Amino acid sequence: MPGGFKYTGSLSDNTCGKLRTFGVAAAHASLISVGDVVRITSTANAAGDQEIDVATAAQSVTGVVSSIVPDFTTEALSDIKLPASTAGTVRVVVDPHAEYEVDVSNGPLTIADVGLNVDLVATAATTTGGLTISNMTVNFTGRAVTATLPFRVLKLVTGSDGVLGSRCVVRVNNSTAVSGAAGV
C-alpha cells in the first residue's frame, strides 16, 4: 500500500498544536506530497514562517506533511501536491509522539528489529492519473540502535504482499522540532 507515511495516532492525550504551517521556497527541488517526510531549512518566507524541504536519508526530520495549502490563484483546490520549483505552504505533523505506518524497503523487518532505529528512503513522489502518491519508506538496511537514525520501529505490520514486516509503525526518533535539537 504505497503512500508514504500514514498518520495512525499519537501517544499524546492532546494533539492540539501538533500541526504547524511551514513555507516552502520556490527553490525546492522535488515534488512534495502528503505523507512525505520534511525537515526545516535555515530560511524563512516573507511572512517570517520557517521553511521546510523534503528530508533525505541520515538527516533529523521535522515531521510528515499532512496537507498542502491550496493556491487559490490557480483555483486548483483538488491539488494535493506542491510541484518542484513552486513556492507554497504545507501543514506538517510535528507531534513527537505521532505514529506512522509505512512500507519497508530492502526488508522485511523481523520481530528482532522492533525497538531498533531505521533510516529514511527519500524516493520522490509521483503523479499518475491525477493522483499524487508519496513514495517515501523506511530502510531495512542499516537498522541499528544508533540514536541519529530518524525513526524508531514500534510494531510490525503485514503489507499488501502478505509478509509481516514489509510494513511497520514508526515514531520520529531524531527530530528538529523538539526542545534542545541542533539547529540546521
N, C-alpha and C. Protein backbone atom coordinates (compact mmCIF):
# COMPACT_ATOMS: atom_id res chain seq x y z
N MET A 1 0.85 -1.17 0.00
CA MET A 1 0.00 0.00 0.00
C MET A 1 0.90 1.24 0.00
N PRO A 2 1.21 1.79 -1.17
CA PRO A 2 2.07 2.97 -1.22
C PRO A 2 1.36 4.18 -0.63
N GLY A 3 2.11 5.20 -0.39
CA GLY A 3 1.51 6.42 0.12
C GLY A 3 2.34 7.10 1.17
N GLY A 4 3.58 6.69 1.32
CA GLY A 4 4.45 7.35 2.28
C GLY A 4 4.08 7.03 3.70
N PHE A 5 4.24 8.02 4.56
CA PHE A 5 4.00 7.87 5.99
C PHE A 5 2.55 8.23 6.29
N LYS A 6 1.78 7.26 6.80
CA LYS A 6 0.37 7.47 7.11
C LYS A 6 0.20 7.60 8.62
N TYR A 7 -0.30 8.74 9.06
CA TYR A 7 -0.52 9.00 10.47
C TYR A 7 -1.53 8.00 11.03
N THR A 8 -1.18 7.34 12.14
CA THR A 8 -2.08 6.36 12.74
C THR A 8 -2.55 6.76 14.13
N GLY A 9 -1.94 7.77 14.72
CA GLY A 9 -2.34 8.21 16.06
C GLY A 9 -1.15 8.77 16.82
N SER A 10 -1.39 9.03 18.12
CA SER A 10 -0.35 9.63 18.95
C SER A 10 -0.49 9.14 20.37
N LEU A 11 0.61 9.07 21.08
CA LEU A 11 0.58 8.76 22.50
C LEU A 11 0.16 9.96 23.32
N SER A 12 0.20 11.15 22.70
CA SER A 12 -0.19 12.37 23.40
C SER A 12 -1.70 12.38 23.62
N ASP A 13 -2.11 12.78 24.81
CA ASP A 13 -3.54 12.92 25.09
C ASP A 13 -4.12 14.08 24.30
N ASN A 14 -3.33 15.13 24.13
CA ASN A 14 -3.80 16.34 23.47
C ASN A 14 -2.94 16.58 22.24
N THR A 15 -3.54 16.47 21.08
CA THR A 15 -2.78 16.68 19.84
C THR A 15 -2.93 18.10 19.31
N CYS A 16 -3.60 18.98 20.06
CA CYS A 16 -3.74 20.38 19.63
C CYS A 16 -2.37 21.03 19.53
N GLY A 17 -2.16 21.81 18.49
CA GLY A 17 -0.89 22.49 18.31
C GLY A 17 0.20 21.61 17.74
N LYS A 18 -0.12 20.40 17.38
CA LYS A 18 0.89 19.48 16.85
C LYS A 18 0.94 19.50 15.33
N LEU A 19 0.15 20.38 14.73
CA LEU A 19 0.14 20.57 13.28
C LEU A 19 0.57 22.00 13.03
N ARG A 20 1.68 22.18 12.32
CA ARG A 20 2.20 23.53 12.09
C ARG A 20 2.24 23.84 10.61
N THR A 21 2.14 25.13 10.32
CA THR A 21 2.22 25.61 8.94
C THR A 21 3.65 26.04 8.65
N PHE A 22 4.18 25.60 7.53
CA PHE A 22 5.53 25.96 7.10
C PHE A 22 5.48 26.46 5.66
N GLY A 23 6.37 27.36 5.34
CA GLY A 23 6.54 27.80 3.97
C GLY A 23 7.45 26.84 3.22
N VAL A 24 7.34 26.90 1.90
CA VAL A 24 8.22 26.12 1.03
C VAL A 24 8.76 27.09 -0.01
N ALA A 25 10.07 27.20 -0.10
CA ALA A 25 10.70 28.11 -1.05
C ALA A 25 10.53 27.60 -2.48
N ALA A 26 10.50 28.53 -3.43
CA ALA A 26 10.40 28.15 -4.84
C ALA A 26 11.62 27.35 -5.30
N ALA A 27 12.70 27.42 -4.54
CA ALA A 27 13.93 26.72 -4.93
C ALA A 27 13.93 25.23 -4.58
N HIS A 28 12.86 24.73 -3.92
CA HIS A 28 12.89 23.30 -3.55
C HIS A 28 12.90 22.45 -4.81
N ALA A 29 13.59 21.31 -4.72
CA ALA A 29 13.91 20.56 -5.93
C ALA A 29 12.98 19.41 -6.26
N SER A 30 12.10 19.00 -5.36
CA SER A 30 11.29 17.83 -5.71
C SER A 30 9.82 18.05 -5.38
N LEU A 31 8.99 17.25 -6.00
CA LEU A 31 7.56 17.26 -5.77
C LEU A 31 7.31 16.92 -4.30
N ILE A 32 6.48 17.70 -3.60
CA ILE A 32 6.14 17.43 -2.20
C ILE A 32 4.70 16.96 -2.16
N SER A 33 4.46 15.87 -1.40
CA SER A 33 3.15 15.25 -1.33
C SER A 33 2.78 14.95 0.11
N VAL A 34 1.49 14.77 0.36
CA VAL A 34 1.03 14.31 1.67
C VAL A 34 1.70 12.96 1.94
N GLY A 35 2.24 12.80 3.15
CA GLY A 35 2.95 11.57 3.51
C GLY A 35 4.44 11.67 3.36
N ASP A 36 4.95 12.79 2.82
CA ASP A 36 6.39 12.98 2.68
C ASP A 36 7.00 13.46 4.00
N VAL A 37 8.21 13.02 4.26
CA VAL A 37 8.95 13.44 5.44
C VAL A 37 9.72 14.71 5.07
N VAL A 38 9.65 15.72 5.96
CA VAL A 38 10.28 17.01 5.67
C VAL A 38 11.16 17.45 6.84
N ARG A 39 11.99 18.45 6.54
CA ARG A 39 12.93 18.98 7.52
C ARG A 39 12.98 20.49 7.36
N ILE A 40 13.05 21.21 8.50
CA ILE A 40 13.16 22.65 8.40
C ILE A 40 14.49 23.01 7.76
N THR A 41 14.49 24.13 7.04
CA THR A 41 15.71 24.65 6.45
C THR A 41 16.16 25.83 7.29
N SER A 42 17.20 26.46 6.90
CA SER A 42 17.71 27.60 7.68
C SER A 42 17.17 28.92 7.15
N THR A 43 16.02 28.87 6.47
CA THR A 43 15.44 30.08 5.89
C THR A 43 13.99 30.24 6.34
N ALA A 44 13.44 31.42 6.05
CA ALA A 44 12.03 31.70 6.33
C ALA A 44 11.43 32.38 5.12
N ASN A 45 10.09 32.35 5.03
CA ASN A 45 9.43 33.03 3.92
C ASN A 45 9.21 34.51 4.27
N ALA A 46 8.58 35.25 3.38
CA ALA A 46 8.38 36.69 3.57
C ALA A 46 7.52 36.99 4.79
N ALA A 47 6.68 36.05 5.20
CA ALA A 47 5.83 36.24 6.39
C ALA A 47 6.57 35.90 7.68
N GLY A 48 7.80 35.40 7.54
CA GLY A 48 8.60 35.04 8.71
C GLY A 48 8.43 33.61 9.17
N ASP A 49 7.63 32.80 8.44
CA ASP A 49 7.44 31.40 8.80
C ASP A 49 8.67 30.58 8.42
N GLN A 50 9.03 29.62 9.28
CA GLN A 50 10.12 28.72 8.93
C GLN A 50 9.75 28.00 7.63
N GLU A 51 10.77 27.66 6.86
CA GLU A 51 10.54 26.90 5.64
C GLU A 51 11.04 25.48 5.79
N ILE A 52 10.44 24.58 5.04
CA ILE A 52 10.83 23.17 5.04
C ILE A 52 11.19 22.74 3.63
N ASP A 53 11.85 21.60 3.56
CA ASP A 53 12.09 20.93 2.28
C ASP A 53 12.05 19.43 2.56
N VAL A 54 12.00 18.64 1.54
CA VAL A 54 11.97 17.19 1.68
C VAL A 54 13.24 16.74 2.38
N ALA A 55 13.08 15.86 3.37
CA ALA A 55 14.24 15.31 4.08
C ALA A 55 14.92 14.26 3.21
N THR A 56 16.18 14.02 3.51
CA THR A 56 16.92 12.96 2.84
C THR A 56 17.41 11.98 3.89
N ALA A 57 17.98 10.87 3.46
CA ALA A 57 18.49 9.86 4.38
C ALA A 57 19.53 10.46 5.31
N ALA A 58 19.61 9.94 6.50
CA ALA A 58 20.61 10.29 7.51
C ALA A 58 20.46 11.70 8.06
N GLN A 59 19.29 12.31 7.92
CA GLN A 59 19.03 13.63 8.49
C GLN A 59 18.01 13.51 9.62
N SER A 60 18.10 14.44 10.57
CA SER A 60 17.00 14.57 11.52
C SER A 60 15.83 15.15 10.74
N VAL A 61 14.61 14.88 11.20
CA VAL A 61 13.42 15.32 10.46
C VAL A 61 12.55 16.21 11.35
N THR A 62 11.69 16.98 10.72
CA THR A 62 10.76 17.84 11.46
C THR A 62 9.41 17.17 11.61
N GLY A 63 8.94 16.50 10.58
CA GLY A 63 7.65 15.84 10.64
C GLY A 63 7.22 15.33 9.30
N VAL A 64 5.91 15.05 9.18
CA VAL A 64 5.34 14.47 7.98
C VAL A 64 4.25 15.40 7.46
N VAL A 65 4.26 15.63 6.14
CA VAL A 65 3.28 16.52 5.52
C VAL A 65 1.89 15.93 5.68
N SER A 66 0.99 16.73 6.25
CA SER A 66 -0.39 16.34 6.46
C SER A 66 -1.29 16.88 5.35
N SER A 67 -0.97 18.09 4.85
CA SER A 67 -1.78 18.68 3.78
C SER A 67 -0.99 19.77 3.08
N ILE A 68 -1.43 20.06 1.88
CA ILE A 68 -0.87 21.15 1.08
C ILE A 68 -1.92 22.26 1.09
N VAL A 69 -1.52 23.47 1.47
CA VAL A 69 -2.46 24.58 1.46
C VAL A 69 -2.73 24.96 0.01
N PRO A 70 -4.00 24.99 -0.40
CA PRO A 70 -4.31 25.26 -1.81
C PRO A 70 -3.85 26.66 -2.25
N ASP A 71 -3.48 26.75 -3.51
CA ASP A 71 -3.14 28.03 -4.12
C ASP A 71 -4.41 28.55 -4.79
N PHE A 72 -5.06 29.50 -4.13
CA PHE A 72 -6.35 29.98 -4.63
C PHE A 72 -6.23 30.77 -5.93
N THR A 73 -5.01 31.19 -6.28
CA THR A 73 -4.85 31.93 -7.54
C THR A 73 -5.03 31.02 -8.74
N THR A 74 -4.79 29.74 -8.57
CA THR A 74 -4.95 28.80 -9.69
C THR A 74 -6.30 28.09 -9.65
N GLU A 75 -7.01 28.25 -8.56
CA GLU A 75 -8.30 27.59 -8.36
C GLU A 75 -8.19 26.07 -8.48
N ALA A 76 -7.03 25.53 -8.20
CA ALA A 76 -6.82 24.08 -8.24
C ALA A 76 -6.97 23.53 -6.82
N LEU A 77 -8.19 23.57 -6.30
CA LEU A 77 -8.42 23.17 -4.91
C LEU A 77 -8.24 21.68 -4.69
N SER A 78 -8.21 20.91 -5.76
CA SER A 78 -8.03 19.47 -5.62
C SER A 78 -6.57 19.07 -5.57
N ASP A 79 -5.65 20.02 -5.80
CA ASP A 79 -4.23 19.70 -5.77
C ASP A 79 -3.81 19.24 -4.38
N ILE A 80 -3.17 18.09 -4.31
CA ILE A 80 -2.63 17.61 -3.04
C ILE A 80 -1.12 17.39 -3.20
N LYS A 81 -0.52 18.30 -3.94
CA LYS A 81 0.93 18.22 -4.16
C LYS A 81 1.46 19.64 -4.30
N LEU A 82 2.76 19.77 -4.14
CA LEU A 82 3.44 21.05 -4.39
C LEU A 82 4.57 20.75 -5.37
N PRO A 83 4.41 21.13 -6.65
CA PRO A 83 5.44 20.80 -7.64
C PRO A 83 6.80 21.40 -7.30
N ALA A 84 7.84 20.79 -7.82
CA ALA A 84 9.20 21.31 -7.66
C ALA A 84 9.26 22.72 -8.21
N SER A 85 10.12 23.52 -7.64
CA SER A 85 10.34 24.90 -8.07
C SER A 85 9.10 25.77 -7.96
N THR A 86 8.20 25.44 -7.03
CA THR A 86 6.98 26.21 -6.81
C THR A 86 6.88 26.55 -5.33
N ALA A 87 6.81 27.82 -5.01
CA ALA A 87 6.66 28.23 -3.61
C ALA A 87 5.27 27.85 -3.13
N GLY A 88 5.14 27.60 -1.85
CA GLY A 88 3.83 27.25 -1.32
C GLY A 88 3.85 27.13 0.18
N THR A 89 2.79 26.54 0.70
CA THR A 89 2.63 26.37 2.13
C THR A 89 2.11 24.97 2.40
N VAL A 90 2.65 24.33 3.43
CA VAL A 90 2.22 22.98 3.81
C VAL A 90 1.94 22.94 5.30
N ARG A 91 1.13 21.96 5.69
CA ARG A 91 0.85 21.69 7.10
C ARG A 91 1.58 20.40 7.45
N VAL A 92 2.32 20.43 8.57
CA VAL A 92 3.19 19.32 8.94
C VAL A 92 2.86 18.86 10.36
N VAL A 93 2.72 17.55 10.55
CA VAL A 93 2.54 16.98 11.89
C VAL A 93 3.90 17.02 12.58
N VAL A 94 3.99 17.76 13.69
CA VAL A 94 5.26 17.88 14.43
C VAL A 94 5.17 17.24 15.82
N ASP A 95 4.13 16.50 16.08
CA ASP A 95 3.95 15.83 17.36
C ASP A 95 5.05 14.79 17.56
N PRO A 96 5.88 14.93 18.61
CA PRO A 96 6.97 13.96 18.80
C PRO A 96 6.48 12.57 19.16
N HIS A 97 5.19 12.43 19.49
CA HIS A 97 4.63 11.13 19.84
C HIS A 97 3.75 10.56 18.74
N ALA A 98 3.71 11.22 17.57
CA ALA A 98 2.91 10.74 16.45
C ALA A 98 3.49 9.42 15.94
N GLU A 99 2.58 8.55 15.52
CA GLU A 99 2.98 7.25 14.96
C GLU A 99 2.49 7.15 13.53
N TYR A 100 3.31 6.51 12.68
CA TYR A 100 3.03 6.42 11.25
C TYR A 100 3.21 4.98 10.77
N GLU A 101 2.32 4.54 9.88
CA GLU A 101 2.51 3.25 9.22
C GLU A 101 3.17 3.53 7.87
N VAL A 102 4.16 2.71 7.52
CA VAL A 102 4.96 2.97 6.33
C VAL A 102 5.53 1.66 5.77
N ASP A 103 5.76 1.64 4.45
CA ASP A 103 6.40 0.50 3.81
C ASP A 103 7.86 0.41 4.22
N VAL A 104 8.41 -0.81 4.17
CA VAL A 104 9.82 -1.07 4.45
C VAL A 104 10.52 -1.43 3.14
N SER A 105 11.55 -0.69 2.79
CA SER A 105 12.36 -1.01 1.61
C SER A 105 13.49 -1.94 2.03
N ASN A 106 13.89 -2.82 1.12
CA ASN A 106 15.01 -3.74 1.32
C ASN A 106 14.77 -4.69 2.49
N GLY A 107 13.52 -4.93 2.84
CA GLY A 107 13.16 -5.72 4.02
C GLY A 107 12.74 -7.11 3.67
N PRO A 108 11.98 -7.73 4.52
CA PRO A 108 11.17 -7.16 5.59
C PRO A 108 11.93 -7.10 6.92
N LEU A 109 11.35 -6.31 7.83
CA LEU A 109 11.85 -6.29 9.20
C LEU A 109 11.40 -7.57 9.89
N THR A 110 12.10 -7.97 10.95
CA THR A 110 11.74 -9.16 11.73
C THR A 110 11.39 -8.73 13.15
N ILE A 111 10.87 -9.64 13.92
CA ILE A 111 10.49 -9.31 15.29
C ILE A 111 11.68 -8.82 16.11
N ALA A 112 12.89 -9.25 15.77
CA ALA A 112 14.08 -8.79 16.48
C ALA A 112 14.40 -7.32 16.17
N ASP A 113 13.77 -6.75 15.14
CA ASP A 113 14.04 -5.36 14.74
C ASP A 113 13.13 -4.35 15.46
N VAL A 114 12.07 -4.83 16.12
CA VAL A 114 11.18 -3.91 16.85
C VAL A 114 12.00 -3.26 17.97
N GLY A 115 11.93 -1.94 18.04
CA GLY A 115 12.71 -1.18 19.02
C GLY A 115 13.99 -0.60 18.45
N LEU A 116 14.41 -1.09 17.28
CA LEU A 116 15.60 -0.52 16.63
C LEU A 116 15.22 0.75 15.88
N ASN A 117 16.22 1.47 15.44
CA ASN A 117 16.02 2.69 14.66
C ASN A 117 16.35 2.40 13.20
N VAL A 118 15.65 3.11 12.30
CA VAL A 118 15.83 2.92 10.86
C VAL A 118 15.93 4.27 10.18
N ASP A 119 16.50 4.25 8.98
CA ASP A 119 16.68 5.46 8.19
C ASP A 119 15.54 5.61 7.19
N LEU A 120 15.52 6.76 6.56
CA LEU A 120 14.53 7.12 5.56
C LEU A 120 15.04 6.75 4.16
N VAL A 121 14.14 6.27 3.31
CA VAL A 121 14.41 6.15 1.88
C VAL A 121 13.56 7.24 1.24
N ALA A 122 14.21 8.31 0.82
CA ALA A 122 13.51 9.51 0.34
C ALA A 122 13.31 9.48 -1.16
N THR A 123 12.44 8.58 -1.61
CA THR A 123 12.09 8.49 -3.02
C THR A 123 11.05 9.55 -3.34
N ALA A 124 11.24 10.27 -4.42
CA ALA A 124 10.34 11.37 -4.79
C ALA A 124 8.93 10.87 -5.06
N ALA A 125 7.95 11.71 -4.74
CA ALA A 125 6.54 11.41 -5.00
C ALA A 125 6.31 11.33 -6.51
N THR A 126 5.23 10.66 -6.89
CA THR A 126 4.87 10.55 -8.30
C THR A 126 3.40 10.92 -8.49
N THR A 127 3.09 11.42 -9.68
CA THR A 127 1.71 11.75 -10.03
C THR A 127 1.29 10.87 -11.19
N THR A 128 0.19 10.14 -10.99
CA THR A 128 -0.34 9.25 -12.02
C THR A 128 -1.85 9.38 -12.04
N GLY A 129 -2.42 9.67 -13.19
CA GLY A 129 -3.86 9.74 -13.33
C GLY A 129 -4.51 10.76 -12.41
N GLY A 130 -3.81 11.85 -12.14
CA GLY A 130 -4.36 12.89 -11.29
C GLY A 130 -4.13 12.68 -9.80
N LEU A 131 -3.59 11.52 -9.41
CA LEU A 131 -3.29 11.25 -8.01
C LEU A 131 -1.80 11.42 -7.75
N THR A 132 -1.46 12.06 -6.64
CA THR A 132 -0.06 12.19 -6.26
C THR A 132 0.19 11.30 -5.06
N ILE A 133 1.19 10.45 -5.17
CA ILE A 133 1.48 9.46 -4.14
C ILE A 133 2.89 9.68 -3.60
N SER A 134 3.00 9.76 -2.27
CA SER A 134 4.32 9.79 -1.64
C SER A 134 4.92 8.39 -1.77
N ASN A 135 6.20 8.33 -2.09
CA ASN A 135 6.89 7.05 -2.24
C ASN A 135 7.95 6.84 -1.17
N MET A 136 7.91 7.64 -0.12
CA MET A 136 8.91 7.51 0.94
C MET A 136 8.65 6.27 1.78
N THR A 137 9.73 5.62 2.19
CA THR A 137 9.67 4.41 3.01
C THR A 137 10.77 4.48 4.07
N VAL A 138 10.84 3.46 4.92
CA VAL A 138 11.99 3.32 5.81
C VAL A 138 12.87 2.21 5.26
N ASN A 139 14.12 2.21 5.68
CA ASN A 139 15.12 1.31 5.11
C ASN A 139 15.47 0.19 6.09
N PHE A 140 15.25 -1.05 5.68
CA PHE A 140 15.66 -2.22 6.45
C PHE A 140 17.18 -2.23 6.62
N THR A 141 17.89 -1.87 5.56
CA THR A 141 19.35 -1.86 5.58
C THR A 141 19.85 -0.78 6.52
N GLY A 142 20.75 -1.13 7.41
CA GLY A 142 21.32 -0.16 8.33
C GLY A 142 20.55 0.02 9.62
N ARG A 143 19.52 -0.79 9.84
CA ARG A 143 18.79 -0.68 11.10
C ARG A 143 19.75 -0.92 12.25
N ALA A 144 19.57 -0.15 13.33
CA ALA A 144 20.55 -0.22 14.42
C ALA A 144 19.99 0.48 15.65
N VAL A 145 20.79 0.50 16.71
CA VAL A 145 20.43 1.24 17.92
C VAL A 145 20.89 2.68 17.83
N THR A 146 21.54 3.05 16.74
CA THR A 146 22.10 4.39 16.54
C THR A 146 21.05 5.47 16.76
N ALA A 147 21.32 6.38 17.71
CA ALA A 147 20.34 7.42 18.08
C ALA A 147 20.10 8.43 16.97
N THR A 148 21.02 8.58 16.03
CA THR A 148 20.85 9.58 14.98
C THR A 148 19.95 9.12 13.83
N LEU A 149 19.61 7.85 13.78
CA LEU A 149 18.67 7.39 12.75
C LEU A 149 17.30 7.99 13.06
N PRO A 150 16.57 8.46 12.04
CA PRO A 150 15.40 9.30 12.30
C PRO A 150 14.13 8.61 12.79
N PHE A 151 14.00 7.28 12.68
CA PHE A 151 12.75 6.63 13.06
C PHE A 151 12.98 5.42 13.96
N ARG A 152 12.09 5.25 14.96
CA ARG A 152 12.11 4.08 15.84
C ARG A 152 11.00 3.15 15.42
N VAL A 153 11.31 1.86 15.24
CA VAL A 153 10.33 0.84 14.87
C VAL A 153 9.54 0.46 16.12
N LEU A 154 8.20 0.63 16.06
CA LEU A 154 7.34 0.33 17.20
C LEU A 154 6.58 -0.98 17.04
N LYS A 155 6.28 -1.35 15.78
CA LYS A 155 5.42 -2.51 15.54
C LYS A 155 5.59 -2.96 14.10
N LEU A 156 5.47 -4.26 13.87
CA LEU A 156 5.47 -4.80 12.52
C LEU A 156 4.04 -4.93 12.02
N VAL A 157 3.86 -4.73 10.71
CA VAL A 157 2.54 -4.83 10.08
C VAL A 157 2.69 -5.69 8.83
N THR A 158 1.65 -6.45 8.53
CA THR A 158 1.63 -7.24 7.30
C THR A 158 1.28 -6.33 6.14
N GLY A 159 2.12 -6.33 5.11
CA GLY A 159 1.91 -5.49 3.94
C GLY A 159 0.99 -6.15 2.94
N SER A 160 0.78 -5.46 1.80
CA SER A 160 -0.09 -5.99 0.74
C SER A 160 0.48 -7.27 0.13
N ASP A 161 1.77 -7.53 0.36
CA ASP A 161 2.39 -8.76 -0.12
C ASP A 161 2.13 -9.95 0.80
N GLY A 162 1.44 -9.71 1.93
CA GLY A 162 1.15 -10.79 2.87
C GLY A 162 2.28 -11.12 3.82
N VAL A 163 3.35 -10.31 3.83
CA VAL A 163 4.52 -10.58 4.65
C VAL A 163 4.54 -9.66 5.87
N LEU A 164 4.60 -10.26 7.07
CA LEU A 164 4.74 -9.47 8.29
C LEU A 164 6.11 -8.79 8.28
N GLY A 165 6.12 -7.49 8.47
CA GLY A 165 7.37 -6.74 8.49
C GLY A 165 7.67 -6.01 7.21
N SER A 166 6.83 -6.22 6.17
CA SER A 166 7.03 -5.44 4.94
C SER A 166 6.46 -4.03 5.11
N ARG A 167 5.70 -3.82 6.18
CA ARG A 167 5.26 -2.50 6.64
C ARG A 167 5.54 -2.46 8.14
N CYS A 168 5.60 -1.27 8.68
CA CYS A 168 5.81 -1.15 10.12
C CYS A 168 5.21 0.16 10.62
N VAL A 169 5.11 0.27 11.93
CA VAL A 169 4.68 1.51 12.57
C VAL A 169 5.93 2.11 13.21
N VAL A 170 6.16 3.41 12.94
CA VAL A 170 7.35 4.10 13.45
C VAL A 170 6.96 5.40 14.13
N ARG A 171 7.88 5.93 14.90
CA ARG A 171 7.77 7.25 15.51
C ARG A 171 9.06 7.99 15.18
N VAL A 172 8.94 9.32 14.99
CA VAL A 172 10.14 10.13 14.73
C VAL A 172 11.06 10.02 15.94
N ASN A 173 12.30 9.67 15.71
CA ASN A 173 13.28 9.45 16.76
C ASN A 173 14.24 10.62 16.89
N ASN A 174 14.61 11.20 15.79
CA ASN A 174 15.61 12.26 15.78
C ASN A 174 14.99 13.46 15.09
N SER A 175 14.43 14.39 15.90
CA SER A 175 13.60 15.46 15.36
C SER A 175 14.20 16.84 15.52
N THR A 176 14.01 17.69 14.51
CA THR A 176 14.41 19.08 14.60
C THR A 176 13.36 19.89 15.34
N ALA A 177 12.22 19.27 15.68
CA ALA A 177 11.11 20.00 16.29
C ALA A 177 11.11 19.95 17.82
N VAL A 178 12.00 19.16 18.43
CA VAL A 178 12.00 19.04 19.88
C VAL A 178 12.90 20.08 20.53
N SER A 179 12.60 20.40 21.77
CA SER A 179 13.44 21.36 22.51
C SER A 179 14.87 20.84 22.61
N GLY A 180 15.82 21.71 22.39
CA GLY A 180 17.22 21.34 22.50
C GLY A 180 17.81 20.70 21.27
N ALA A 181 17.03 20.56 20.19
CA ALA A 181 17.55 19.96 18.97
C ALA A 181 18.59 20.89 18.35
N ALA A 182 19.55 20.30 17.66
CA ALA A 182 20.58 21.08 16.99
C ALA A 182 19.95 21.91 15.88
N GLY A 183 20.49 23.08 15.64
CA GLY A 183 20.00 23.93 14.55
C GLY A 183 20.35 23.35 13.20
N VAL A 184 19.77 23.93 12.17
CA VAL A 184 20.03 23.41 10.81
C VAL A 184 20.90 24.35 10.03
